[in-house]
């Protein structure tokens, strides 16, 4: 099984980070480009991919994110499985200049999934409570 889903640059929306040092799901409507055994979320959950296979599977998850926000602020970004941070995926970046330069992050994990497990990208502002916007956001998964 596999999936590829992305948020178009034209559909980028800010993620409100109203509390410093608190994880928030990165906002954006993931659009499915192709899939087998996976779906994207609906309603308030459009920023996640959901495993729909019936048996447990080891899966490689890859996400690439470009974000922009307030200059000189530090961010942490990580993959989450069903609401829990996947250990070893956290990356720390800084926003160099608001709206001009983008922080680029690539995240990867190999994990076991069961029916209805979901994957999201979390973001945390470690400097202040200002929003960020994912200007490009791609997530893919493949059973290994």
N, C-alpha and C. Protein backbone atom coordinates (compact mmCIF):
# COMPACT_ATOMS: atom_id res chain seq x y z
N UNK A 1 0.82 -1.18 0.00
CA UNK A 1 0.00 0.00 0.00
C UNK A 1 0.86 1.24 0.00
N UNK A 2 0.33 2.32 -0.49
CA UNK A 2 1.08 3.56 -0.61
C UNK A 2 0.11 4.74 -0.66
N UNK A 3 0.64 5.93 -0.41
CA UNK A 3 -0.13 7.16 -0.56
C UNK A 3 0.83 8.30 -0.85
N UNK A 4 0.36 9.25 -1.61
CA UNK A 4 1.04 10.54 -1.75
C UNK A 4 -0.04 11.60 -1.67
N UNK A 5 0.16 12.58 -0.82
CA UNK A 5 -0.81 13.66 -0.65
C UNK A 5 -0.04 14.95 -0.41
N UNK A 6 -0.60 16.06 -0.85
CA UNK A 6 0.10 17.33 -0.73
C UNK A 6 -0.88 18.47 -0.53
N UNK A 7 -0.38 19.54 0.09
CA UNK A 7 -1.10 20.80 0.20
C UNK A 7 -0.52 21.72 -0.86
N UNK A 8 -1.37 22.22 -1.74
CA UNK A 8 -0.93 23.13 -2.79
C UNK A 8 -0.50 24.46 -2.19
N UNK A 9 0.51 25.08 -2.80
CA UNK A 9 0.95 26.41 -2.38
C UNK A 9 -0.23 27.39 -2.39
N UNK A 10 -1.14 27.25 -3.33
CA UNK A 10 -2.29 28.14 -3.43
C UNK A 10 -3.29 27.94 -2.30
N UNK A 11 -3.23 26.80 -1.62
CA UNK A 11 -4.18 26.49 -0.55
C UNK A 11 -3.55 26.63 0.83
N UNK A 12 -2.40 27.26 0.95
CA UNK A 12 -1.72 27.40 2.23
C UNK A 12 -2.54 28.25 3.19
N UNK A 13 -2.66 27.77 4.42
CA UNK A 13 -3.37 28.51 5.47
C UNK A 13 -2.50 28.56 6.72
N UNK A 14 -2.60 29.64 7.50
CA UNK A 14 -1.79 29.74 8.71
C UNK A 14 -2.20 28.71 9.77
N UNK A 15 -1.24 28.26 10.53
CA UNK A 15 -1.49 27.43 11.70
C UNK A 15 -1.31 28.32 12.92
N UNK A 16 -2.37 28.52 13.68
CA UNK A 16 -2.29 29.34 14.89
C UNK A 16 -1.53 28.58 15.97
N UNK A 17 -0.53 29.21 16.54
CA UNK A 17 0.26 28.61 17.62
C UNK A 17 0.07 29.51 18.84
N UNK A 18 -1.07 29.40 19.48
CA UNK A 18 -1.46 30.36 20.51
C UNK A 18 -0.77 30.17 21.85
N UNK A 19 -0.11 29.03 22.05
CA UNK A 19 0.61 28.78 23.30
C UNK A 19 2.03 28.33 22.95
N UNK A 20 3.02 29.03 23.48
CA UNK A 20 4.41 28.69 23.22
C UNK A 20 4.72 27.28 23.75
N UNK A 21 5.62 26.58 23.06
CA UNK A 21 6.07 25.24 23.45
C UNK A 21 4.93 24.22 23.52
N UNK A 22 3.93 24.36 22.66
CA UNK A 22 2.80 23.44 22.59
C UNK A 22 2.65 22.95 21.16
N UNK A 23 2.47 21.64 20.98
CA UNK A 23 2.33 21.07 19.64
C UNK A 23 0.95 21.38 19.07
N UNK A 24 0.93 21.70 17.77
CA UNK A 24 -0.30 21.89 17.00
C UNK A 24 -0.16 21.13 15.69
N UNK A 25 -1.27 20.55 15.21
CA UNK A 25 -1.25 19.92 13.89
C UNK A 25 -1.08 21.00 12.84
N UNK A 26 -0.14 20.78 11.92
CA UNK A 26 0.08 21.71 10.83
C UNK A 26 -1.17 21.77 9.96
N UNK A 27 -1.65 22.98 9.68
CA UNK A 27 -2.89 23.17 8.91
C UNK A 27 -2.62 23.07 7.42
N UNK A 28 -3.66 22.69 6.70
CA UNK A 28 -3.61 22.57 5.26
C UNK A 28 -4.48 21.42 4.82
N UNK A 29 -5.10 21.54 3.67
CA UNK A 29 -5.95 20.49 3.14
C UNK A 29 -5.12 19.58 2.24
N UNK A 30 -4.86 18.37 2.72
CA UNK A 30 -4.10 17.42 1.92
C UNK A 30 -4.98 16.91 0.78
N UNK A 31 -4.43 16.95 -0.42
CA UNK A 31 -5.13 16.47 -1.61
C UNK A 31 -4.44 15.18 -2.03
N UNK A 32 -5.22 14.13 -2.14
CA UNK A 32 -4.72 12.82 -2.50
C UNK A 32 -4.30 12.81 -3.97
N UNK A 33 -3.05 12.39 -4.25
CA UNK A 33 -2.62 12.26 -5.64
C UNK A 33 -2.69 10.82 -6.11
N UNK A 34 -2.39 9.87 -5.23
CA UNK A 34 -2.65 8.46 -5.50
C UNK A 34 -2.57 7.69 -4.20
N UNK A 35 -3.26 6.53 -4.15
CA UNK A 35 -3.32 5.81 -2.89
C UNK A 35 -3.77 4.37 -3.08
N UNK A 36 -3.33 3.52 -2.17
CA UNK A 36 -3.81 2.16 -2.02
C UNK A 36 -3.67 1.84 -0.53
N UNK A 37 -4.74 1.52 0.14
CA UNK A 37 -4.80 1.23 1.57
C UNK A 37 -4.69 2.47 2.45
N UNK A 38 -4.89 3.67 1.89
CA UNK A 38 -4.80 4.91 2.64
C UNK A 38 -5.89 5.87 2.19
N UNK A 39 -6.24 6.82 3.06
CA UNK A 39 -7.12 7.94 2.73
C UNK A 39 -6.58 9.20 3.37
N UNK A 40 -7.09 10.34 2.94
CA UNK A 40 -6.83 11.59 3.65
C UNK A 40 -8.04 11.88 4.52
N UNK A 41 -7.82 12.65 5.58
CA UNK A 41 -8.91 12.98 6.49
C UNK A 41 -9.93 13.90 5.84
N UNK A 42 -11.07 14.03 6.51
CA UNK A 42 -12.13 14.92 6.04
C UNK A 42 -12.51 15.87 7.17
N UNK A 43 -13.29 16.90 6.84
CA UNK A 43 -13.73 17.85 7.85
C UNK A 43 -12.56 18.53 8.53
N UNK A 44 -12.54 18.49 9.86
CA UNK A 44 -11.47 19.12 10.63
C UNK A 44 -10.16 18.33 10.55
N UNK A 45 -10.18 17.17 9.92
CA UNK A 45 -9.00 16.30 9.88
C UNK A 45 -8.38 16.20 8.48
N UNK A 46 -8.51 17.26 7.68
CA UNK A 46 -8.02 17.23 6.30
C UNK A 46 -6.49 17.29 6.22
N UNK A 47 -5.82 17.43 7.36
CA UNK A 47 -4.37 17.53 7.37
C UNK A 47 -3.71 16.22 7.81
N UNK A 48 -4.40 15.09 7.65
CA UNK A 48 -3.83 13.81 8.06
C UNK A 48 -4.04 12.75 6.98
N UNK A 49 -3.14 11.74 7.01
CA UNK A 49 -3.35 10.56 6.20
C UNK A 49 -3.73 9.43 7.15
N UNK A 50 -4.61 8.54 6.68
CA UNK A 50 -5.17 7.49 7.53
C UNK A 50 -4.95 6.13 6.87
N UNK A 51 -4.36 5.20 7.63
CA UNK A 51 -4.13 3.86 7.12
C UNK A 51 -5.44 3.08 7.18
N UNK A 52 -5.87 2.50 6.05
CA UNK A 52 -7.14 1.78 5.98
C UNK A 52 -6.96 0.29 5.73
N UNK A 53 -5.72 -0.19 5.77
CA UNK A 53 -5.48 -1.63 5.60
C UNK A 53 -5.97 -2.41 6.81
N UNK A 54 -6.27 -3.67 6.61
CA UNK A 54 -6.85 -4.47 7.69
C UNK A 54 -5.82 -5.21 8.53
N UNK A 55 -4.58 -5.28 8.09
CA UNK A 55 -3.56 -5.97 8.88
C UNK A 55 -2.45 -4.99 9.28
N UNK A 56 -1.77 -5.28 10.37
CA UNK A 56 -0.66 -4.44 10.82
C UNK A 56 0.44 -4.46 9.76
N UNK A 57 1.02 -3.30 9.50
CA UNK A 57 2.05 -3.19 8.47
C UNK A 57 3.15 -2.24 8.92
N UNK A 58 4.39 -2.59 8.58
CA UNK A 58 5.51 -1.67 8.78
C UNK A 58 5.51 -0.72 7.58
N UNK A 59 5.62 0.56 7.87
CA UNK A 59 5.44 1.59 6.85
C UNK A 59 6.53 2.65 6.97
N UNK A 60 7.02 3.12 5.82
CA UNK A 60 7.95 4.25 5.79
C UNK A 60 7.14 5.51 5.49
N UNK A 61 7.24 6.49 6.38
CA UNK A 61 6.55 7.77 6.25
C UNK A 61 7.59 8.83 5.92
N UNK A 62 7.28 9.67 4.94
CA UNK A 62 8.15 10.78 4.58
C UNK A 62 7.30 12.03 4.44
N UNK A 63 7.76 13.13 5.02
CA UNK A 63 7.06 14.41 4.87
C UNK A 63 8.09 15.49 4.58
N UNK A 64 7.73 16.39 3.68
CA UNK A 64 8.55 17.55 3.37
C UNK A 64 7.69 18.78 3.58
N UNK A 65 8.21 19.73 4.36
CA UNK A 65 7.44 20.92 4.72
C UNK A 65 8.30 22.16 4.55
N UNK A 66 7.75 23.18 3.92
CA UNK A 66 8.34 24.52 3.90
C UNK A 66 7.41 25.41 4.71
N UNK A 67 7.95 26.12 5.70
CA UNK A 67 7.12 27.02 6.49
C UNK A 67 7.70 28.41 6.51
N UNK A 68 6.83 29.37 6.72
CA UNK A 68 7.24 30.74 6.93
C UNK A 68 6.45 31.29 8.12
N UNK A 69 6.96 32.31 8.73
CA UNK A 69 6.31 32.90 9.91
C UNK A 69 7.01 34.18 10.29
N UNK A 70 7.08 34.45 11.58
CA UNK A 70 7.70 35.67 12.10
C UNK A 70 9.21 35.49 12.12
N UNK A 71 9.93 36.49 11.62
CA UNK A 71 11.39 36.41 11.53
C UNK A 71 12.02 36.14 12.89
N UNK A 72 13.07 35.36 12.88
CA UNK A 72 13.91 35.04 14.04
C UNK A 72 13.25 34.16 15.08
N UNK A 73 12.13 33.53 14.73
CA UNK A 73 11.49 32.62 15.68
C UNK A 73 11.90 31.19 15.39
N UNK A 74 12.02 30.41 16.45
CA UNK A 74 12.43 29.02 16.34
C UNK A 74 11.22 28.10 16.39
N UNK A 75 11.24 27.06 15.56
CA UNK A 75 10.14 26.10 15.48
C UNK A 75 10.69 24.68 15.62
N UNK A 76 9.84 23.80 16.14
CA UNK A 76 10.09 22.37 16.09
C UNK A 76 8.99 21.75 15.24
N UNK A 77 9.35 20.78 14.42
CA UNK A 77 8.40 20.09 13.55
C UNK A 77 8.68 18.60 13.69
N UNK A 78 7.60 17.79 13.76
CA UNK A 78 7.77 16.35 13.94
C UNK A 78 6.59 15.60 13.33
N UNK A 79 6.80 14.31 13.07
CA UNK A 79 5.71 13.43 12.66
C UNK A 79 4.99 12.90 13.90
N UNK A 80 3.68 12.73 13.75
CA UNK A 80 2.86 12.18 14.83
C UNK A 80 2.07 10.99 14.30
N UNK A 81 1.96 9.94 15.13
CA UNK A 81 1.14 8.78 14.82
C UNK A 81 -0.03 8.77 15.80
N UNK A 82 -1.23 8.94 15.27
CA UNK A 82 -2.45 8.93 16.09
C UNK A 82 -2.32 9.83 17.31
N UNK A 83 -1.75 11.03 17.09
CA UNK A 83 -1.67 12.03 18.14
C UNK A 83 -0.45 11.97 19.03
N UNK A 84 0.46 11.01 18.80
CA UNK A 84 1.65 10.86 19.63
C UNK A 84 2.89 11.11 18.77
N UNK A 85 3.79 11.96 19.27
CA UNK A 85 5.01 12.26 18.53
C UNK A 85 5.81 10.99 18.28
N UNK A 86 6.27 10.82 17.05
CA UNK A 86 7.12 9.69 16.69
C UNK A 86 8.55 10.05 17.08
N UNK A 87 9.08 9.32 18.04
CA UNK A 87 10.41 9.60 18.58
C UNK A 87 11.44 9.59 17.46
N UNK A 88 12.32 10.58 17.47
CA UNK A 88 13.40 10.65 16.49
C UNK A 88 13.07 11.43 15.24
N UNK A 89 11.84 11.96 15.12
CA UNK A 89 11.50 12.70 13.90
C UNK A 89 11.55 14.22 14.10
N UNK A 90 11.71 14.69 15.31
CA UNK A 90 11.68 16.14 15.56
C UNK A 90 12.87 16.85 14.92
N UNK A 91 12.56 17.92 14.20
CA UNK A 91 13.57 18.79 13.60
C UNK A 91 13.35 20.21 14.11
N UNK A 92 14.43 20.92 14.37
CA UNK A 92 14.35 22.31 14.84
C UNK A 92 14.85 23.24 13.74
N UNK A 93 14.07 24.29 13.49
CA UNK A 93 14.41 25.25 12.44
C UNK A 93 14.14 26.66 12.95
N UNK A 94 14.69 27.62 12.24
CA UNK A 94 14.42 29.03 12.55
C UNK A 94 13.90 29.71 11.29
N UNK A 95 12.97 30.62 11.48
CA UNK A 95 12.46 31.43 10.37
C UNK A 95 13.42 32.59 10.17
N UNK A 96 14.08 32.63 9.02
CA UNK A 96 15.10 33.65 8.78
C UNK A 96 14.48 35.03 8.57
N UNK A 97 13.45 35.11 7.72
CA UNK A 97 12.80 36.40 7.43
C UNK A 97 11.36 36.12 7.04
N UNK A 98 10.45 36.82 7.65
CA UNK A 98 9.02 36.57 7.42
C UNK A 98 8.66 36.77 5.95
N UNK A 99 8.00 35.75 5.37
CA UNK A 99 7.46 35.85 4.02
C UNK A 99 8.50 35.87 2.91
N UNK A 100 9.78 35.82 3.26
CA UNK A 100 10.82 35.91 2.24
C UNK A 100 11.54 34.57 2.11
N UNK A 101 12.12 34.12 3.19
CA UNK A 101 12.84 32.85 3.20
C UNK A 101 12.01 31.82 3.95
N UNK A 102 12.07 30.60 3.50
CA UNK A 102 11.29 29.53 4.09
C UNK A 102 12.20 28.54 4.78
N UNK A 103 11.76 28.06 5.91
CA UNK A 103 12.47 26.97 6.56
C UNK A 103 12.00 25.68 5.91
N UNK A 104 12.92 24.86 5.46
CA UNK A 104 12.59 23.60 4.79
C UNK A 104 12.95 22.44 5.72
N UNK A 105 12.01 21.50 5.87
CA UNK A 105 12.21 20.38 6.77
C UNK A 105 11.80 19.10 6.06
N UNK A 106 12.61 18.06 6.23
CA UNK A 106 12.27 16.74 5.73
C UNK A 106 12.22 15.79 6.93
N UNK A 107 11.12 15.04 7.04
CA UNK A 107 10.92 14.13 8.17
C UNK A 107 10.72 12.71 7.65
N UNK A 108 11.27 11.73 8.36
CA UNK A 108 11.09 10.33 7.96
C UNK A 108 10.96 9.45 9.18
N UNK A 109 10.20 8.37 9.03
CA UNK A 109 10.08 7.38 10.09
C UNK A 109 9.68 6.04 9.47
N UNK A 110 10.08 4.97 10.11
CA UNK A 110 9.60 3.63 9.77
C UNK A 110 8.88 3.13 11.02
N UNK A 111 7.56 2.88 10.88
CA UNK A 111 6.74 2.53 12.03
C UNK A 111 5.74 1.45 11.66
N UNK A 112 5.16 0.83 12.67
CA UNK A 112 4.10 -0.15 12.47
C UNK A 112 2.75 0.54 12.61
N UNK A 113 1.83 0.22 11.69
CA UNK A 113 0.50 0.82 11.70
C UNK A 113 -0.57 -0.26 11.68
N UNK A 114 -1.72 0.06 12.28
CA UNK A 114 -2.90 -0.80 12.22
C UNK A 114 -4.07 0.03 11.69
N UNK A 115 -5.17 -0.62 11.39
CA UNK A 115 -6.34 0.02 10.84
C UNK A 115 -6.68 1.32 11.59
N UNK A 116 -6.87 2.39 10.83
CA UNK A 116 -7.27 3.72 11.30
C UNK A 116 -6.20 4.49 12.05
N UNK A 117 -4.96 3.98 12.13
CA UNK A 117 -3.87 4.84 12.61
C UNK A 117 -3.75 5.99 11.63
N UNK A 118 -3.40 7.16 12.13
CA UNK A 118 -3.25 8.31 11.24
C UNK A 118 -1.93 9.03 11.51
N UNK A 119 -1.45 9.71 10.48
CA UNK A 119 -0.19 10.42 10.54
C UNK A 119 -0.46 11.90 10.30
N UNK A 120 0.11 12.74 11.16
CA UNK A 120 0.05 14.19 10.99
C UNK A 120 1.45 14.76 11.16
N UNK A 121 1.60 16.01 10.77
CA UNK A 121 2.82 16.76 11.03
C UNK A 121 2.49 17.79 12.09
N UNK A 122 3.27 17.79 13.17
CA UNK A 122 3.06 18.74 14.25
C UNK A 122 4.09 19.85 14.19
N UNK A 123 3.68 21.04 14.63
CA UNK A 123 4.58 22.19 14.66
C UNK A 123 4.44 22.88 16.02
N UNK A 124 5.57 23.37 16.54
CA UNK A 124 5.59 24.04 17.83
C UNK A 124 6.50 25.26 17.72
N UNK A 125 6.01 26.41 18.14
CA UNK A 125 6.83 27.61 18.19
C UNK A 125 7.50 27.64 19.56
N UNK A 126 8.82 27.63 19.58
CA UNK A 126 9.54 27.61 20.85
C UNK A 126 10.04 28.98 21.26
N UNK A 127 9.64 30.02 20.51
CA UNK A 127 10.08 31.38 20.79
C UNK A 127 8.93 32.27 21.24
N UNK A 128 7.79 32.19 20.57
CA UNK A 128 6.65 33.06 20.85
C UNK A 128 5.37 32.37 20.38
N UNK A 129 4.24 33.02 20.60
CA UNK A 129 2.95 32.44 20.22
C UNK A 129 2.45 33.05 18.92
N UNK A 130 3.26 32.96 17.87
CA UNK A 130 2.88 33.51 16.57
C UNK A 130 2.62 32.38 15.58
N UNK A 131 1.76 32.61 14.59
CA UNK A 131 1.42 31.55 13.64
C UNK A 131 2.52 31.29 12.62
N UNK A 132 2.43 30.12 11.97
CA UNK A 132 3.28 29.78 10.84
C UNK A 132 2.37 29.32 9.70
N UNK A 133 2.90 29.36 8.48
CA UNK A 133 2.16 28.87 7.33
C UNK A 133 3.03 27.88 6.57
N UNK A 134 2.45 26.71 6.29
CA UNK A 134 3.13 25.72 5.46
C UNK A 134 2.88 26.11 4.00
N UNK A 135 3.90 26.63 3.37
CA UNK A 135 3.75 27.07 1.98
C UNK A 135 3.81 25.89 1.02
N UNK A 136 4.46 24.83 1.42
CA UNK A 136 4.47 23.56 0.69
C UNK A 136 4.49 22.46 1.73
N UNK A 137 3.70 21.40 1.49
CA UNK A 137 3.53 20.35 2.48
C UNK A 137 3.18 19.07 1.72
N UNK A 138 4.08 18.10 1.75
CA UNK A 138 3.87 16.83 1.05
C UNK A 138 4.10 15.72 2.04
N UNK A 139 3.25 14.71 2.02
CA UNK A 139 3.43 13.55 2.88
C UNK A 139 3.18 12.28 2.07
N UNK A 140 4.03 11.29 2.26
CA UNK A 140 3.85 10.04 1.55
C UNK A 140 4.16 8.88 2.49
N UNK A 141 3.62 7.71 2.14
CA UNK A 141 3.84 6.52 2.93
C UNK A 141 3.88 5.32 2.00
N UNK A 142 4.69 4.34 2.36
CA UNK A 142 4.77 3.10 1.57
C UNK A 142 5.03 1.95 2.53
N UNK A 143 4.31 0.86 2.34
CA UNK A 143 4.55 -0.33 3.15
C UNK A 143 5.91 -0.91 2.79
N UNK A 144 6.63 -1.36 3.81
CA UNK A 144 7.97 -1.92 3.56
C UNK A 144 8.00 -3.39 3.90
